[in-house]
Amino acid sequence: MSKAYGAAGMAWPKRMTFIIDPKGKIEKIYEKVNVNTHAEKILDDLLAKK
């Protein structure tokens, strides 16, 4: 699956997040993840869509 989403790394998968809508369409890709702020960023983006 990591290869299909472009997240395959040399030894292990890259740390990436995908927002996927109910129809299965990728709406947003977060390629750079800061573990200290990432959850808040995702929540802000999701809440802004409503």
N, C-alpha and C. Protein backbone atom coordinates (compact mmCIF):
# COMPACT_ATOMS: atom_id res chain seq x y z
N MET A 1 0.82 -1.18 0.00
CA MET A 1 0.00 0.00 0.00
C MET A 1 0.87 1.25 0.00
N SER A 2 1.98 1.21 0.72
CA SER A 2 2.84 2.39 0.76
C SER A 2 3.38 2.73 -0.63
N LYS A 3 3.65 1.74 -1.44
CA LYS A 3 4.10 2.01 -2.82
C LYS A 3 2.99 2.66 -3.63
N ALA A 4 1.76 2.18 -3.48
CA ALA A 4 0.62 2.71 -4.23
C ALA A 4 0.37 4.19 -3.91
N TYR A 5 0.65 4.58 -2.67
CA TYR A 5 0.42 5.96 -2.25
C TYR A 5 1.68 6.82 -2.31
N GLY A 6 2.78 6.27 -2.79
CA GLY A 6 4.01 7.03 -2.90
C GLY A 6 4.68 7.27 -1.57
N ALA A 7 4.43 6.41 -0.59
CA ALA A 7 4.99 6.59 0.74
C ALA A 7 6.07 5.57 1.07
N ALA A 8 6.49 4.80 0.09
CA ALA A 8 7.52 3.79 0.35
C ALA A 8 8.87 4.47 0.56
N GLY A 9 9.58 4.02 1.55
CA GLY A 9 10.92 4.54 1.82
C GLY A 9 11.94 3.44 1.60
N MET A 10 13.18 3.73 1.93
CA MET A 10 14.25 2.74 1.74
C MET A 10 14.08 1.57 2.72
N ALA A 11 13.99 1.86 4.01
CA ALA A 11 13.88 0.80 5.01
C ALA A 11 12.46 0.64 5.55
N TRP A 12 11.72 1.74 5.63
CA TRP A 12 10.34 1.71 6.13
C TRP A 12 9.55 2.82 5.46
N PRO A 13 8.24 2.79 5.54
CA PRO A 13 7.42 3.81 4.86
C PRO A 13 7.69 5.21 5.40
N LYS A 14 7.51 6.20 4.52
CA LYS A 14 7.62 7.60 4.92
C LYS A 14 6.43 7.94 5.81
N ARG A 15 6.61 8.91 6.67
CA ARG A 15 5.51 9.38 7.51
C ARG A 15 4.70 10.40 6.72
N MET A 16 3.52 10.01 6.29
CA MET A 16 2.63 10.86 5.50
C MET A 16 1.20 10.64 5.99
N THR A 17 0.35 11.63 5.73
CA THR A 17 -1.06 11.51 6.08
C THR A 17 -1.89 11.85 4.85
N PHE A 18 -2.95 11.08 4.64
CA PHE A 18 -3.85 11.30 3.52
C PHE A 18 -5.25 11.55 4.06
N ILE A 19 -5.91 12.59 3.58
CA ILE A 19 -7.31 12.83 3.89
C ILE A 19 -8.10 12.28 2.71
N ILE A 20 -8.95 11.30 2.98
CA ILE A 20 -9.70 10.62 1.93
C ILE A 20 -11.19 10.83 2.18
N ASP A 21 -11.91 11.30 1.16
CA ASP A 21 -13.34 11.57 1.34
C ASP A 21 -14.14 10.26 1.33
N PRO A 22 -15.43 10.32 1.67
CA PRO A 22 -16.25 9.10 1.74
C PRO A 22 -16.32 8.32 0.42
N LYS A 23 -16.07 8.98 -0.70
CA LYS A 23 -16.10 8.30 -2.00
C LYS A 23 -14.75 7.67 -2.36
N GLY A 24 -13.75 7.85 -1.50
CA GLY A 24 -12.44 7.27 -1.74
C GLY A 24 -11.46 8.18 -2.47
N LYS A 25 -11.83 9.43 -2.70
CA LYS A 25 -10.96 10.38 -3.39
C LYS A 25 -10.02 11.02 -2.38
N ILE A 26 -8.74 11.08 -2.73
CA ILE A 26 -7.76 11.75 -1.86
C ILE A 26 -7.98 13.25 -1.99
N GLU A 27 -8.28 13.89 -0.87
CA GLU A 27 -8.52 15.32 -0.87
C GLU A 27 -7.28 16.12 -0.52
N LYS A 28 -6.43 15.57 0.33
CA LYS A 28 -5.23 16.30 0.74
C LYS A 28 -4.16 15.31 1.16
N ILE A 29 -2.91 15.66 0.85
CA ILE A 29 -1.77 14.85 1.25
C ILE A 29 -0.84 15.73 2.08
N TYR A 30 -0.49 15.24 3.25
CA TYR A 30 0.50 15.91 4.10
C TYR A 30 1.79 15.13 3.96
N GLU A 31 2.76 15.69 3.25
CA GLU A 31 4.01 14.98 3.02
C GLU A 31 5.05 15.25 4.10
N LYS A 32 4.97 16.41 4.70
CA LYS A 32 5.90 16.76 5.78
C LYS A 32 5.11 16.75 7.07
N VAL A 33 5.50 15.88 8.00
CA VAL A 33 4.75 15.70 9.23
C VAL A 33 5.62 16.10 10.42
N ASN A 34 5.13 17.06 11.20
CA ASN A 34 5.76 17.43 12.47
C ASN A 34 4.90 16.79 13.55
N VAL A 35 5.44 15.80 14.24
CA VAL A 35 4.65 15.05 15.21
C VAL A 35 4.12 15.92 16.34
N ASN A 36 4.71 17.07 16.57
CA ASN A 36 4.26 17.95 17.65
C ASN A 36 3.04 18.79 17.27
N THR A 37 2.82 19.02 15.99
CA THR A 37 1.73 19.91 15.56
C THR A 37 0.80 19.28 14.54
N HIS A 38 1.10 18.08 14.10
CA HIS A 38 0.37 17.48 12.98
C HIS A 38 -1.11 17.25 13.26
N ALA A 39 -1.44 16.70 14.40
CA ALA A 39 -2.86 16.42 14.71
C ALA A 39 -3.67 17.70 14.72
N GLU A 40 -3.13 18.76 15.29
CA GLU A 40 -3.84 20.05 15.33
C GLU A 40 -4.04 20.60 13.92
N LYS A 41 -3.04 20.48 13.07
CA LYS A 41 -3.14 20.96 11.68
C LYS A 41 -4.24 20.22 10.93
N ILE A 42 -4.30 18.91 11.08
CA ILE A 42 -5.33 18.12 10.41
C ILE A 42 -6.72 18.53 10.89
N LEU A 43 -6.88 18.64 12.21
CA LEU A 43 -8.18 19.05 12.75
C LEU A 43 -8.59 20.42 12.26
N ASP A 44 -7.65 21.37 12.23
CA ASP A 44 -7.95 22.70 11.73
C ASP A 44 -8.42 22.63 10.27
N ASP A 45 -7.72 21.87 9.45
CA ASP A 45 -8.09 21.75 8.03
C ASP A 45 -9.47 21.08 7.86
N LEU A 46 -9.71 20.04 8.63
CA LEU A 46 -11.01 19.35 8.51
C LEU A 46 -12.16 20.24 8.99
N LEU A 47 -11.97 20.95 10.08
CA LEU A 47 -13.02 21.83 10.60
C LEU A 47 -13.27 23.02 9.69
N ALA A 48 -12.24 23.48 8.98
CA ALA A 48 -12.40 24.60 8.06
C ALA A 48 -13.26 24.23 6.86
N LYS A 49 -13.35 22.95 6.54
CA LYS A 49 -14.14 22.47 5.39
C LYS A 49 -15.64 22.48 5.67
N LYS A 50 -16.02 22.48 6.93
CA LYS A 50 -17.44 22.39 7.28
C LYS A 50 -18.14 23.70 7.17
